[in-house]
Amino acid sequence: MDNSIATVVRNIQTVMDTGKVVVYNLNSIYFNTGEEKPGRETSTLSGMKLIAAGLGNWKSCPEI
């Protein structure tokens, strides 16, 4: 299984393109410990890519 950010982004875009998504949520892209920890920038950038993939491909909210 390929768990690269590019694969996850592509999968999100595929699902969002169905037009059936009512809710999109991304939880905890950054854990604020108050410390500068290695990898924090990468985690934040990855989270931003996932948010952009979902919202950028969200056509409309279907009737509930």
PDB file of N, CA and C in Angstrom:
ATOM      1  N   MET A   1       0.850  -1.174   0.000  1.00  0.00           N
ATOM      2  CA  MET A   1       0.000   0.000   0.000  1.00  0.00           C
ATOM      3  C   MET A   1       0.894   1.234   0.000  1.00  0.00           C
ATOM      4  N   ASP A   2       0.561   2.185  -0.849  1.00  0.00           N
ATOM      5  CA  ASP A   2       1.314   3.430  -0.932  1.00  0.00           C
ATOM      6  C   ASP A   2       0.627   4.478  -0.069  1.00  0.00           C
ATOM      7  N   ASN A   3       1.297   4.915   0.979  1.00  0.00           N
ATOM      8  CA  ASN A   3       0.726   5.905   1.890  1.00  0.00           C
ATOM      9  C   ASN A   3       1.347   7.280   1.704  1.00  0.00           C
ATOM     10  N   SER A   4       1.896   7.552   0.525  1.00  0.00           N
ATOM     11  CA  SER A   4       2.512   8.860   0.303  1.00  0.00           C
ATOM     12  C   SER A   4       1.434   9.943   0.302  1.00  0.00           C
ATOM     13  N   ILE A   5       1.850  11.162   0.581  1.00  0.00           N
ATOM     14  CA  ILE A   5       0.898  12.273   0.611  1.00  0.00           C
ATOM     15  C   ILE A   5       0.232  12.445  -0.748  1.00  0.00           C
ATOM     16  N   ALA A   6       0.972  12.197  -1.824  1.00  0.00           N
ATOM     17  CA  ALA A   6       0.398  12.331  -3.170  1.00  0.00           C
ATOM     18  C   ALA A   6      -0.733  11.330  -3.389  1.00  0.00           C
ATOM     19  N   THR A   7      -0.567  10.120  -2.882  1.00  0.00           N
ATOM     20  CA  THR A   7      -1.612   9.100  -3.017  1.00  0.00           C
ATOM     21  C   THR A   7      -2.841   9.480  -2.206  1.00  0.00           C
ATOM     22  N   VAL A   8      -2.627   9.948  -0.997  1.00  0.00           N
ATOM     23  CA  VAL A   8      -3.749  10.348  -0.143  1.00  0.00           C
ATOM     24  C   VAL A   8      -4.494  11.525  -0.776  1.00  0.00           C
ATOM     25  N   VAL A   9      -3.765  12.502  -1.303  1.00  0.00           N
ATOM     26  CA  VAL A   9      -4.388  13.652  -1.968  1.00  0.00           C
ATOM     27  C   VAL A   9      -5.212  13.183  -3.161  1.00  0.00           C
ATOM     28  N   ARG A  10      -4.659  12.308  -3.969  1.00  0.00           N
ATOM     29  CA  ARG A  10      -5.378  11.785  -5.141  1.00  0.00           C
ATOM     30  C   ARG A  10      -6.652  11.054  -4.713  1.00  0.00           C
ATOM     31  N   ASN A  11      -6.567  10.269  -3.650  1.00  0.00           N
ATOM     32  CA  ASN A  11      -7.746   9.548  -3.162  1.00  0.00           C
ATOM     33  C   ASN A  11      -8.816  10.507  -2.640  1.00  0.00           C
ATOM     34  N   ILE A  12      -8.407  11.540  -1.935  1.00  0.00           N
ATOM     35  CA  ILE A  12      -9.362  12.541  -1.457  1.00  0.00           C
ATOM     36  C   ILE A  12     -10.044  13.208  -2.643  1.00  0.00           C
ATOM     37  N   GLN A  13      -9.274  13.589  -3.646  1.00  0.00           N
ATOM     38  CA  GLN A  13      -9.837  14.246  -4.823  1.00  0.00           C
ATOM     39  C   GLN A  13     -10.837  13.341  -5.535  1.00  0.00           C
ATOM     40  N   THR A  14     -10.529  12.058  -5.626  1.00  0.00           N
ATOM     41  CA  THR A  14     -11.432  11.102  -6.274  1.00  0.00           C
ATOM     42  C   THR A  14     -12.764  11.036  -5.543  1.00  0.00           C
ATOM     43  N   VAL A  15     -12.709  10.953  -4.224  1.00  0.00           N
ATOM     44  CA  VAL A  15     -13.936  10.877  -3.429  1.00  0.00           C
ATOM     45  C   VAL A  15     -14.716  12.188  -3.525  1.00  0.00           C
ATOM     46  N   MET A  16     -14.031  13.305  -3.423  1.00  0.00           N
ATOM     47  CA  MET A  16     -14.715  14.599  -3.482  1.00  0.00           C
ATOM     48  C   MET A  16     -15.370  14.815  -4.840  1.00  0.00           C
ATOM     49  N   ASP A  17     -14.767  14.293  -5.898  1.00  0.00           N
ATOM     50  CA  ASP A  17     -15.321  14.443  -7.245  1.00  0.00           C
ATOM     51  C   ASP A  17     -16.639  13.694  -7.442  1.00  0.00           C
ATOM     52  N   THR A  18     -16.996  12.799  -6.520  1.00  0.00           N
ATOM     53  CA  THR A  18     -18.257  12.065  -6.651  1.00  0.00           C
ATOM     54  C   THR A  18     -19.462  12.973  -6.438  1.00  0.00           C
ATOM     55  N   GLY A  19     -19.257  14.083  -5.734  1.00  0.00           N
ATOM     56  CA  GLY A  19     -20.366  14.984  -5.441  1.00  0.00           C
ATOM     57  C   GLY A  19     -21.263  14.481  -4.324  1.00  0.00           C
ATOM     58  N   LYS A  20     -20.839  13.442  -3.624  1.00  0.00           N
ATOM     59  CA  LYS A  20     -21.666  12.849  -2.575  1.00  0.00           C
ATOM     60  C   LYS A  20     -21.192  13.200  -1.166  1.00  0.00           C
ATOM     61  N   VAL A  21     -20.149  13.987  -1.049  1.00  0.00           N
ATOM     62  CA  VAL A  21     -19.576  14.290   0.261  1.00  0.00           C
ATOM     63  C   VAL A  21     -20.396  15.385   0.935  1.00  0.00           C
ATOM     64  N   VAL A  22     -20.868  15.089   2.141  1.00  0.00           N
ATOM     65  CA  VAL A  22     -21.657  16.045   2.911  1.00  0.00           C
ATOM     66  C   VAL A  22     -20.766  16.768   3.922  1.00  0.00           C
ATOM     67  N   VAL A  23     -19.806  16.058   4.492  1.00  0.00           N
ATOM     68  CA  VAL A  23     -18.929  16.617   5.519  1.00  0.00           C
ATOM     69  C   VAL A  23     -17.489  16.242   5.200  1.00  0.00           C
ATOM     70  N   TYR A  24     -16.590  17.186   5.378  1.00  0.00           N
ATOM     71  CA  TYR A  24     -15.157  16.921   5.215  1.00  0.00           C
ATOM     72  C   TYR A  24     -14.457  17.433   6.453  1.00  0.00           C
ATOM     73  N   ASN A  25     -13.657  16.587   7.087  1.00  0.00           N
ATOM     74  CA  ASN A  25     -12.988  16.951   8.324  1.00  0.00           C
ATOM     75  C   ASN A  25     -11.553  16.451   8.299  1.00  0.00           C
ATOM     76  N   LEU A  26     -10.668  17.274   8.761  1.00  0.00           N
ATOM     77  CA  LEU A  26      -9.286  16.863   8.971  1.00  0.00           C
ATOM     78  C   LEU A  26      -8.933  17.277  10.380  1.00  0.00           C
ATOM     79  N   ASN A  27      -8.568  16.330  11.188  1.00  0.00           N
ATOM     80  CA  ASN A  27      -8.341  16.588  12.599  1.00  0.00           C
ATOM     81  C   ASN A  27      -6.863  16.456  12.948  1.00  0.00           C
ATOM     82  N   SER A  28      -6.362  17.402  13.692  1.00  0.00           N
ATOM     83  CA  SER A  28      -5.039  17.330  14.295  1.00  0.00           C
ATOM     84  C   SER A  28      -3.903  17.230  13.282  1.00  0.00           C
ATOM     85  N   ILE A  29      -3.711  18.295  12.511  1.00  0.00           N
ATOM     86  CA  ILE A  29      -2.574  18.307  11.596  1.00  0.00           C
ATOM     87  C   ILE A  29      -1.314  18.821  12.282  1.00  0.00           C
ATOM     88  N   TYR A  30      -1.470  19.429  13.425  1.00  0.00           N
ATOM     89  CA  TYR A  30      -0.325  19.986  14.143  1.00  0.00           C
ATOM     90  C   TYR A  30      -0.558  19.830  15.635  1.00  0.00           C
ATOM     91  N   PHE A  31       0.412  19.240  16.300  1.00  0.00           N
ATOM     92  CA  PHE A  31       0.311  19.045  17.737  1.00  0.00           C
ATOM     93  C   PHE A  31       1.181  20.087  18.417  1.00  0.00           C
ATOM     94  N   ASN A  32       0.571  21.056  19.043  1.00  0.00           N
ATOM     95  CA  ASN A  32       1.296  22.161  19.658  1.00  0.00           C
ATOM     96  C   ASN A  32       1.779  21.767  21.045  1.00  0.00           C
ATOM     97  N   THR A  33       3.064  21.514  21.145  1.00  0.00           N
ATOM     98  CA  THR A  33       3.647  21.174  22.442  1.00  0.00           C
ATOM     99  C   THR A  33       4.376  22.359  23.048  1.00  0.00           C
ATOM    100  N   GLY A  34       4.462  23.445  22.264  1.00  0.00           N
ATOM    101  CA  GLY A  34       5.216  24.593  22.732  1.00  0.00           C
ATOM    102  C   GLY A  34       6.701  24.459  22.450  1.00  0.00           C
ATOM    103  N   GLU A  35       7.101  23.331  21.889  1.00  0.00           N
ATOM    104  CA  GLU A  35       8.504  23.083  21.579  1.00  0.00           C
ATOM    105  C   GLU A  35       8.711  23.043  20.072  1.00  0.00           C
ATOM    106  N   GLU A  36       9.907  23.419  19.655  1.00  0.00           N
ATOM    107  CA  GLU A  36      10.293  23.251  18.257  1.00  0.00           C
ATOM    108  C   GLU A  36      10.755  21.810  18.093  1.00  0.00           C
ATOM    109  N   LYS A  37       9.974  21.015  17.393  1.00  0.00           N
ATOM    110  CA  LYS A  37      10.334  19.612  17.192  1.00  0.00           C
ATOM    111  C   LYS A  37      10.599  19.357  15.721  1.00  0.00           C
ATOM    112  N   PRO A  38      11.534  18.468  15.412  1.00  0.00           N
ATOM    113  CA  PRO A  38      11.809  18.137  14.016  1.00  0.00           C
ATOM    114  C   PRO A  38      10.564  17.563  13.335  1.00  0.00           C
ATOM    115  N   GLY A  39      10.348  17.972  12.097  1.00  0.00           N
ATOM    116  CA  GLY A  39       9.229  17.440  11.337  1.00  0.00           C
ATOM    117  C   GLY A  39       7.952  18.239  11.443  1.00  0.00           C
ATOM    118  N   ARG A  40       7.942  19.246  12.292  1.00  0.00           N
ATOM    119  CA  ARG A  40       6.727  20.039  12.487  1.00  0.00           C
ATOM    120  C   ARG A  40       6.290  20.715  11.191  1.00  0.00           C
ATOM    121  N   GLU A  41       7.255  21.260  10.446  1.00  0.00           N
ATOM    122  CA  GLU A  41       6.933  21.932   9.187  1.00  0.00           C
ATOM    123  C   GLU A  41       6.349  20.953   8.179  1.00  0.00           C
ATOM    124  N   THR A  42       6.913  19.750   8.129  1.00  0.00           N
ATOM    125  CA  THR A  42       6.423  18.727   7.203  1.00  0.00           C
ATOM    126  C   THR A  42       5.002  18.324   7.554  1.00  0.00           C
ATOM    127  N   SER A  43       4.726  18.152   8.832  1.00  0.00           N
ATOM    128  CA  SER A  43       3.374  17.787   9.269  1.00  0.00           C
ATOM    129  C   SER A  43       2.371  18.877   8.915  1.00  0.00           C
ATOM    130  N   THR A  44       2.754  20.122   9.145  1.00  0.00           N
ATOM    131  CA  THR A  44       1.862  21.236   8.839  1.00  0.00           C
ATOM    132  C   THR A  44       1.611  21.342   7.341  1.00  0.00           C
ATOM    133  N   LEU A  45       2.662  21.218   6.531  1.00  0.00           N
ATOM    134  CA  LEU A  45       2.515  21.288   5.079  1.00  0.00           C
ATOM    135  C   LEU A  45       1.646  20.141   4.560  1.00  0.00           C
ATOM    136  N   SER A  46       1.848  18.948   5.086  1.00  0.00           N
ATOM    137  CA  SER A  46       1.027  17.803   4.674  1.00  0.00           C
ATOM    138  C   SER A  46      -0.440  18.045   5.011  1.00  0.00           C
ATOM    139  N   GLY A  47      -0.706  18.570   6.188  1.00  0.00           N
ATOM    140  CA  GLY A  47      -2.079  18.882   6.576  1.00  0.00           C
ATOM    141  C   GLY A  47      -2.709  19.913   5.664  1.00  0.00           C
ATOM    142  N   MET A  48      -1.932  20.923   5.295  1.00  0.00           N
ATOM    143  CA  MET A  48      -2.444  21.952   4.382  1.00  0.00           C
ATOM    144  C   MET A  48      -2.770  21.356   3.017  1.00  0.00           C
ATOM    145  N   LYS A  49      -1.952  20.420   2.559  1.00  0.00           N
ATOM    146  CA  LYS A  49      -2.210  19.757   1.271  1.00  0.00           C
ATOM    147  C   LYS A  49      -3.503  18.945   1.332  1.00  0.00           C
ATOM    148  N   LEU A  50      -3.738  18.269   2.455  1.00  0.00           N
ATOM    149  CA  LEU A  50      -4.951  17.467   2.599  1.00  0.00           C
ATOM    150  C   LEU A  50      -6.196  18.351   2.662  1.00  0.00           C
ATOM    151  N   ILE A  51      -6.102  19.470   3.361  1.00  0.00           N
ATOM    152  CA  ILE A  51      -7.224  20.411   3.415  1.00  0.00           C
ATOM    153  C   ILE A  51      -7.517  20.952   2.022  1.00  0.00           C
ATOM    154  N   ALA A  52      -6.470  21.359   1.319  1.00  0.00           N
ATOM    155  CA  ALA A  52      -6.636  21.912  -0.027  1.00  0.00           C
ATOM    156  C   ALA A  52      -7.224  20.885  -0.988  1.00  0.00           C
ATOM    157  N   ALA A  53      -6.805  19.633  -0.866  1.00  0.00           N
ATOM    158  CA  ALA A  53      -7.325  18.582  -1.752  1.00  0.00           C
ATOM    159  C   ALA A  53      -8.819  18.398  -1.549  1.00  0.00           C
ATOM    160  N   GLY A  54      -9.255  18.410  -0.313  1.00  0.00           N
ATOM    161  CA  GLY A  54     -10.675  18.221  -0.038  1.00  0.00           C
ATOM    162  C   GLY A  54     -11.516  19.413  -0.439  1.00  0.00           C
ATOM    163  N   LEU A  55     -11.122  20.580   0.003  1.00  0.00           N
ATOM    164  CA  LEU A  55     -11.921  21.770  -0.282  1.00  0.00           C
ATOM    165  C   LEU A  55     -11.819  22.185  -1.740  1.00  0.00           C
ATOM    166  N   GLY A  56     -10.673  21.967  -2.350  1.00  0.00           N
ATOM    167  CA  GLY A  56     -10.481  22.339  -3.744  1.00  0.00           C
ATOM    168  C   GLY A  56     -11.305  21.508  -4.710  1.00  0.00           C
ATOM    169  N   ASN A  57     -11.675  20.307  -4.312  1.00  0.00           N
ATOM    170  CA  ASN A  57     -12.445  19.416  -5.176  1.00  0.00           C
ATOM    171  C   ASN A  57     -13.882  19.231  -4.703  1.00  0.00           C
ATOM    172  N   TRP A  58     -14.283  19.986  -3.706  1.00  0.00           N
ATOM    173  CA  TRP A  58     -15.645  19.871  -3.200  1.00  0.00           C
ATOM    174  C   TRP A  58     -16.555  20.666  -4.117  1.00  0.00           C
ATOM    175  N   LYS A  59     -17.354  19.965  -4.902  1.00  0.00           N
ATOM    176  CA  LYS A  59     -18.211  20.602  -5.903  1.00  0.00           C
ATOM    177  C   LYS A  59     -19.372  21.338  -5.251  1.00  0.00           C
ATOM    178  N   SER A  60     -20.104  20.636  -4.415  1.00  0.00           N
ATOM    179  CA  SER A  60     -21.224  21.229  -3.691  1.00  0.00           C
ATOM    180  C   SER A  60     -21.667  20.248  -2.620  1.00  0.00           C
ATOM    181  N   CYS A  61     -22.437  20.741  -1.689  1.00  0.00           N
ATOM    182  CA  CYS A  61     -22.969  19.872  -0.648  1.00  0.00           C
ATOM    183  C   CYS A  61     -24.292  19.295  -1.138  1.00  0.00           C
ATOM    184  N   PRO A  62     -24.410  17.967  -1.174  1.00  0.00           N
ATOM    185  CA  PRO A  62     -25.672  17.379  -1.624  1.00  0.00           C
ATOM    186  C   PRO A  62     -26.797  17.662  -0.634  1.00  0.00           C
ATOM    187  N   GLU A  63     -28.014  17.544  -1.106  1.00  0.00           N
ATOM    188  CA  GLU A  63     -29.175  17.720  -0.231  1.00  0.00           C
ATOM    189  C   GLU A  63     -29.139  16.667   0.867  1.00  0.00           C
ATOM    190  N   ILE A  64     -29.445  17.088   2.064  1.00  0.00           N
ATOM    191  CA  ILE A  64     -29.440  16.172   3.212  1.00  0.00           C
ATOM    192  C   ILE A  64     -30.861  15.750   3.514  1.00  0.00           C
TER     193      ILE A  64
END
